[in-house]
């Protein structure tokens, strides 16, 4: 469970969490394909909750593109999270909910 707001400045950060995770695994191209097919939450649930391999989940969903990981800095810059306190919320998050 990601906190809804940054603990330091109060900016909403939970809205960026799914996109951050997907782009870290497979880049912007993967995120856009999942959004087009409305499979974002299904992919996140399989990877984070069931701890399955991302490539296996992608093949189960019928996605076999050549996806490349993105650097956290580039993702956060693109999302508009410039404060280090907000960046910390996404980078250091550990999924504990099962």
N, C-alpha and C. Protein backbone atom coordinates (compact mmCIF):
# COMPACT_ATOMS: atom_id res chain seq x y z
N UNK A 1 0.85 -1.18 0.00
CA UNK A 1 0.00 0.00 0.00
C UNK A 1 0.89 1.23 0.00
N UNK A 2 0.77 1.98 -1.04
CA UNK A 2 1.54 3.22 -1.16
C UNK A 2 0.77 4.33 -0.46
N UNK A 3 1.44 5.18 0.29
CA UNK A 3 0.73 6.32 0.88
C UNK A 3 0.14 7.21 -0.21
N UNK A 4 -0.99 7.79 0.05
CA UNK A 4 -1.67 8.63 -0.93
C UNK A 4 -0.89 9.92 -1.17
N UNK A 5 -0.35 10.50 -0.13
CA UNK A 5 0.39 11.75 -0.24
C UNK A 5 1.81 11.59 0.28
N UNK A 6 2.67 12.46 -0.20
CA UNK A 6 4.05 12.50 0.28
C UNK A 6 4.02 12.84 1.76
N UNK A 7 4.82 12.15 2.54
CA UNK A 7 4.81 12.37 3.99
C UNK A 7 5.42 13.71 4.38
N UNK A 8 6.25 14.28 3.53
CA UNK A 8 6.91 15.54 3.85
C UNK A 8 6.15 16.77 3.35
N UNK A 9 5.78 16.77 2.07
CA UNK A 9 5.19 17.98 1.50
C UNK A 9 3.69 17.87 1.25
N UNK A 10 3.14 16.67 1.25
CA UNK A 10 1.71 16.50 1.08
C UNK A 10 1.22 16.38 -0.35
N UNK A 11 2.13 16.35 -1.33
CA UNK A 11 1.72 16.22 -2.73
C UNK A 11 1.20 14.80 -2.98
N UNK A 12 0.09 14.66 -3.72
CA UNK A 12 -0.40 13.31 -4.04
C UNK A 12 0.60 12.54 -4.90
N UNK A 13 0.99 11.36 -4.45
CA UNK A 13 1.96 10.56 -5.19
C UNK A 13 1.41 9.19 -5.57
N UNK A 14 0.32 8.75 -4.97
CA UNK A 14 -0.18 7.41 -5.26
C UNK A 14 -0.69 7.28 -6.69
N UNK A 15 -1.09 8.36 -7.31
CA UNK A 15 -1.59 8.31 -8.68
C UNK A 15 -0.49 7.95 -9.68
N UNK A 16 0.75 8.14 -9.30
CA UNK A 16 1.88 7.87 -10.18
C UNK A 16 2.48 6.48 -9.98
N UNK A 17 2.05 5.77 -8.96
CA UNK A 17 2.72 4.55 -8.55
C UNK A 17 2.64 3.43 -9.59
N UNK A 18 1.46 3.15 -10.13
CA UNK A 18 1.33 2.08 -11.13
C UNK A 18 2.16 2.37 -12.36
N UNK A 19 2.09 3.60 -12.84
CA UNK A 19 2.87 3.96 -14.02
C UNK A 19 4.37 3.83 -13.73
N UNK A 20 4.80 4.24 -12.56
CA UNK A 20 6.21 4.14 -12.19
C UNK A 20 6.66 2.68 -12.22
N UNK A 21 5.88 1.80 -11.62
CA UNK A 21 6.26 0.39 -11.55
C UNK A 21 6.32 -0.25 -12.93
N UNK A 22 5.32 0.02 -13.75
CA UNK A 22 5.29 -0.57 -15.08
C UNK A 22 6.44 -0.07 -15.93
N UNK A 23 6.69 1.23 -15.87
CA UNK A 23 7.77 1.79 -16.68
C UNK A 23 9.13 1.32 -16.20
N UNK A 24 9.28 1.03 -14.93
CA UNK A 24 10.54 0.51 -14.40
C UNK A 24 10.78 -0.91 -14.94
N UNK A 25 9.72 -1.67 -15.14
CA UNK A 25 9.83 -3.03 -15.66
C UNK A 25 10.03 -3.04 -17.17
N UNK A 26 9.18 -2.26 -17.90
CA UNK A 26 9.20 -2.38 -19.35
C UNK A 26 9.19 -1.10 -20.12
N UNK A 27 9.37 0.02 -19.50
CA UNK A 27 9.45 1.29 -20.21
C UNK A 27 8.09 1.88 -20.58
N UNK A 28 8.16 3.01 -21.25
CA UNK A 28 6.96 3.75 -21.62
C UNK A 28 6.11 3.00 -22.65
N UNK A 29 6.76 2.25 -23.54
CA UNK A 29 6.03 1.50 -24.56
C UNK A 29 5.12 0.45 -23.92
N UNK A 30 5.62 -0.26 -22.92
CA UNK A 30 4.81 -1.25 -22.22
C UNK A 30 3.63 -0.59 -21.52
N UNK A 31 3.88 0.54 -20.85
CA UNK A 31 2.80 1.22 -20.16
C UNK A 31 1.71 1.64 -21.13
N UNK A 32 2.08 2.18 -22.26
CA UNK A 32 1.09 2.62 -23.24
C UNK A 32 0.29 1.45 -23.80
N UNK A 33 0.95 0.30 -24.04
CA UNK A 33 0.23 -0.88 -24.53
C UNK A 33 -0.76 -1.40 -23.50
N UNK A 34 -0.34 -1.44 -22.24
CA UNK A 34 -1.24 -1.90 -21.18
C UNK A 34 -2.42 -0.95 -21.01
N UNK A 35 -2.17 0.34 -21.12
CA UNK A 35 -3.25 1.33 -21.01
C UNK A 35 -4.24 1.18 -22.17
N UNK A 36 -3.73 0.97 -23.38
CA UNK A 36 -4.61 0.82 -24.54
C UNK A 36 -5.52 -0.40 -24.40
N UNK A 37 -5.00 -1.46 -23.83
CA UNK A 37 -5.77 -2.70 -23.68
C UNK A 37 -6.48 -2.78 -22.33
N UNK A 38 -6.34 -1.77 -21.50
CA UNK A 38 -6.95 -1.72 -20.17
C UNK A 38 -6.53 -2.91 -19.30
N UNK A 39 -5.23 -3.20 -19.32
CA UNK A 39 -4.67 -4.32 -18.57
C UNK A 39 -3.71 -3.88 -17.48
N UNK A 40 -3.66 -2.60 -17.19
CA UNK A 40 -2.68 -2.07 -16.24
C UNK A 40 -2.81 -2.72 -14.86
N UNK A 41 -4.01 -2.72 -14.31
CA UNK A 41 -4.19 -3.24 -12.95
C UNK A 41 -4.00 -4.76 -12.89
N UNK A 42 -4.40 -5.45 -13.94
CA UNK A 42 -4.22 -6.90 -13.99
C UNK A 42 -2.72 -7.24 -13.98
N UNK A 43 -1.94 -6.49 -14.75
CA UNK A 43 -0.49 -6.71 -14.80
C UNK A 43 0.15 -6.43 -13.44
N UNK A 44 -0.19 -5.30 -12.85
CA UNK A 44 0.38 -4.92 -11.54
C UNK A 44 0.02 -5.95 -10.49
N UNK A 45 -1.23 -6.39 -10.48
CA UNK A 45 -1.66 -7.39 -9.49
C UNK A 45 -0.86 -8.67 -9.62
N UNK A 46 -0.66 -9.15 -10.84
CA UNK A 46 0.06 -10.39 -11.06
C UNK A 46 1.53 -10.27 -10.66
N UNK A 47 2.14 -9.16 -10.98
CA UNK A 47 3.59 -9.01 -10.73
C UNK A 47 3.87 -8.73 -9.26
N UNK A 48 3.14 -7.81 -8.65
CA UNK A 48 3.49 -7.42 -7.28
C UNK A 48 2.83 -8.28 -6.21
N UNK A 49 1.59 -8.65 -6.40
CA UNK A 49 0.90 -9.41 -5.36
C UNK A 49 1.28 -10.89 -5.42
N UNK A 50 1.31 -11.45 -6.62
CA UNK A 50 1.62 -12.87 -6.76
C UNK A 50 3.11 -13.14 -6.96
N UNK A 51 3.91 -12.09 -7.04
CA UNK A 51 5.36 -12.19 -7.18
C UNK A 51 5.77 -13.04 -8.38
N UNK A 52 5.02 -12.92 -9.47
CA UNK A 52 5.35 -13.67 -10.68
C UNK A 52 6.35 -12.89 -11.52
N UNK A 53 7.02 -13.61 -12.37
CA UNK A 53 7.97 -13.01 -13.29
C UNK A 53 7.23 -12.14 -14.30
N UNK A 54 7.72 -10.94 -14.54
CA UNK A 54 7.05 -9.99 -15.44
C UNK A 54 6.94 -10.54 -16.85
N UNK A 55 7.97 -11.23 -17.34
CA UNK A 55 7.92 -11.78 -18.71
C UNK A 55 6.85 -12.85 -18.83
N UNK A 56 6.66 -13.64 -17.79
CA UNK A 56 5.61 -14.67 -17.82
C UNK A 56 4.23 -14.02 -17.85
N UNK A 57 4.04 -12.98 -17.06
CA UNK A 57 2.76 -12.28 -17.04
C UNK A 57 2.49 -11.63 -18.39
N UNK A 58 3.50 -11.04 -18.99
CA UNK A 58 3.34 -10.42 -20.31
C UNK A 58 2.92 -11.44 -21.36
N UNK A 59 3.54 -12.61 -21.34
CA UNK A 59 3.16 -13.62 -22.32
C UNK A 59 1.76 -14.15 -22.05
N UNK A 60 1.36 -14.25 -20.79
CA UNK A 60 -0.01 -14.66 -20.45
C UNK A 60 -1.04 -13.65 -20.94
N UNK A 61 -0.67 -12.38 -20.95
CA UNK A 61 -1.57 -11.32 -21.39
C UNK A 61 -1.53 -11.13 -22.91
N UNK A 62 -0.65 -11.85 -23.59
CA UNK A 62 -0.55 -11.76 -25.04
C UNK A 62 0.33 -10.62 -25.53
N UNK A 63 1.20 -10.13 -24.68
CA UNK A 63 2.12 -9.05 -25.06
C UNK A 63 3.53 -9.63 -25.17
N UNK A 64 4.11 -9.53 -26.35
CA UNK A 64 5.44 -10.11 -26.56
C UNK A 64 6.39 -9.13 -27.21
N UNK A 65 6.22 -7.87 -26.94
CA UNK A 65 7.09 -6.87 -27.53
C UNK A 65 8.47 -6.87 -26.91
N UNK A 66 9.35 -6.09 -27.48
CA UNK A 66 10.70 -5.96 -26.97
C UNK A 66 10.73 -4.73 -26.07
N UNK A 67 10.55 -4.93 -24.79
CA UNK A 67 10.46 -3.82 -23.85
C UNK A 67 11.79 -3.62 -23.14
N UNK A 68 12.15 -2.37 -22.93
CA UNK A 68 13.39 -2.08 -22.23
C UNK A 68 13.08 -1.26 -20.98
N UNK A 69 13.81 -1.56 -19.92
CA UNK A 69 13.61 -0.86 -18.65
C UNK A 69 13.99 0.60 -18.79
N UNK A 70 13.37 1.42 -17.93
CA UNK A 70 13.72 2.84 -17.88
C UNK A 70 14.39 3.14 -16.55
N UNK A 71 15.20 4.13 -16.53
CA UNK A 71 15.87 4.58 -15.32
C UNK A 71 14.87 5.33 -14.44
N UNK A 72 14.96 5.15 -13.13
CA UNK A 72 14.04 5.81 -12.20
C UNK A 72 14.07 7.33 -12.35
N UNK A 73 15.24 7.89 -12.55
CA UNK A 73 15.36 9.34 -12.70
C UNK A 73 14.55 9.84 -13.89
N UNK A 74 14.67 9.15 -15.02
CA UNK A 74 13.94 9.56 -16.22
C UNK A 74 12.44 9.44 -16.04
N UNK A 75 12.00 8.38 -15.39
CA UNK A 75 10.57 8.19 -15.16
C UNK A 75 10.01 9.30 -14.28
N UNK A 76 10.69 9.56 -13.17
CA UNK A 76 10.20 10.57 -12.23
C UNK A 76 10.23 11.97 -12.83
N UNK A 77 11.25 12.26 -13.63
CA UNK A 77 11.29 13.55 -14.33
C UNK A 77 10.12 13.68 -15.29
N UNK A 78 9.82 12.61 -16.03
CA UNK A 78 8.72 12.63 -16.98
C UNK A 78 7.36 12.76 -16.28
N UNK A 79 7.24 12.18 -15.09
CA UNK A 79 5.99 12.26 -14.33
C UNK A 79 5.82 13.62 -13.65
N UNK A 80 6.87 14.40 -13.59
CA UNK A 80 6.79 15.72 -12.98
C UNK A 80 7.05 15.73 -11.48
N UNK A 81 7.62 14.66 -10.97
CA UNK A 81 7.97 14.61 -9.55
C UNK A 81 9.40 15.11 -9.40
N UNK A 82 9.53 16.37 -9.02
CA UNK A 82 10.85 16.99 -8.96
C UNK A 82 11.41 17.07 -7.55
N UNK A 83 10.57 17.07 -6.56
CA UNK A 83 11.06 17.16 -5.18
C UNK A 83 11.61 15.82 -4.74
N UNK A 84 12.72 15.86 -4.02
CA UNK A 84 13.34 14.61 -3.59
C UNK A 84 12.49 13.86 -2.57
N UNK A 85 11.65 14.58 -1.82
CA UNK A 85 10.80 13.90 -0.85
C UNK A 85 9.74 13.05 -1.55
N UNK A 86 9.19 13.55 -2.65
CA UNK A 86 8.19 12.80 -3.42
C UNK A 86 8.83 11.64 -4.16
N UNK A 87 10.03 11.86 -4.68
CA UNK A 87 10.76 10.80 -5.37
C UNK A 87 11.04 9.65 -4.41
N UNK A 88 11.38 9.99 -3.21
CA UNK A 88 11.69 8.98 -2.19
C UNK A 88 10.50 8.07 -1.94
N UNK A 89 9.29 8.63 -2.01
CA UNK A 89 8.08 7.86 -1.74
C UNK A 89 7.93 6.71 -2.74
N UNK A 90 8.27 6.93 -3.98
CA UNK A 90 8.12 5.89 -5.00
C UNK A 90 9.34 4.97 -5.07
N UNK A 91 10.52 5.55 -4.97
CA UNK A 91 11.74 4.75 -5.11
C UNK A 91 11.91 3.78 -3.95
N UNK A 92 11.61 4.21 -2.74
CA UNK A 92 11.90 3.38 -1.57
C UNK A 92 10.71 2.53 -1.13
N UNK A 93 9.61 2.54 -1.87
CA UNK A 93 8.44 1.79 -1.46
C UNK A 93 8.68 0.28 -1.57
N UNK A 94 8.27 -0.44 -0.52
CA UNK A 94 8.35 -1.91 -0.51
C UNK A 94 6.92 -2.41 -0.31
N UNK A 95 6.48 -3.28 -1.21
CA UNK A 95 5.12 -3.81 -1.13
C UNK A 95 5.02 -4.79 0.03
N UNK A 96 4.16 -4.50 1.01
CA UNK A 96 4.00 -5.36 2.18
C UNK A 96 2.62 -5.97 2.28
N UNK A 97 1.71 -5.55 1.43
CA UNK A 97 0.33 -6.02 1.49
C UNK A 97 0.19 -7.34 0.74
N UNK A 98 -0.33 -8.36 1.40
CA UNK A 98 -0.57 -9.64 0.72
C UNK A 98 -1.90 -10.19 1.11
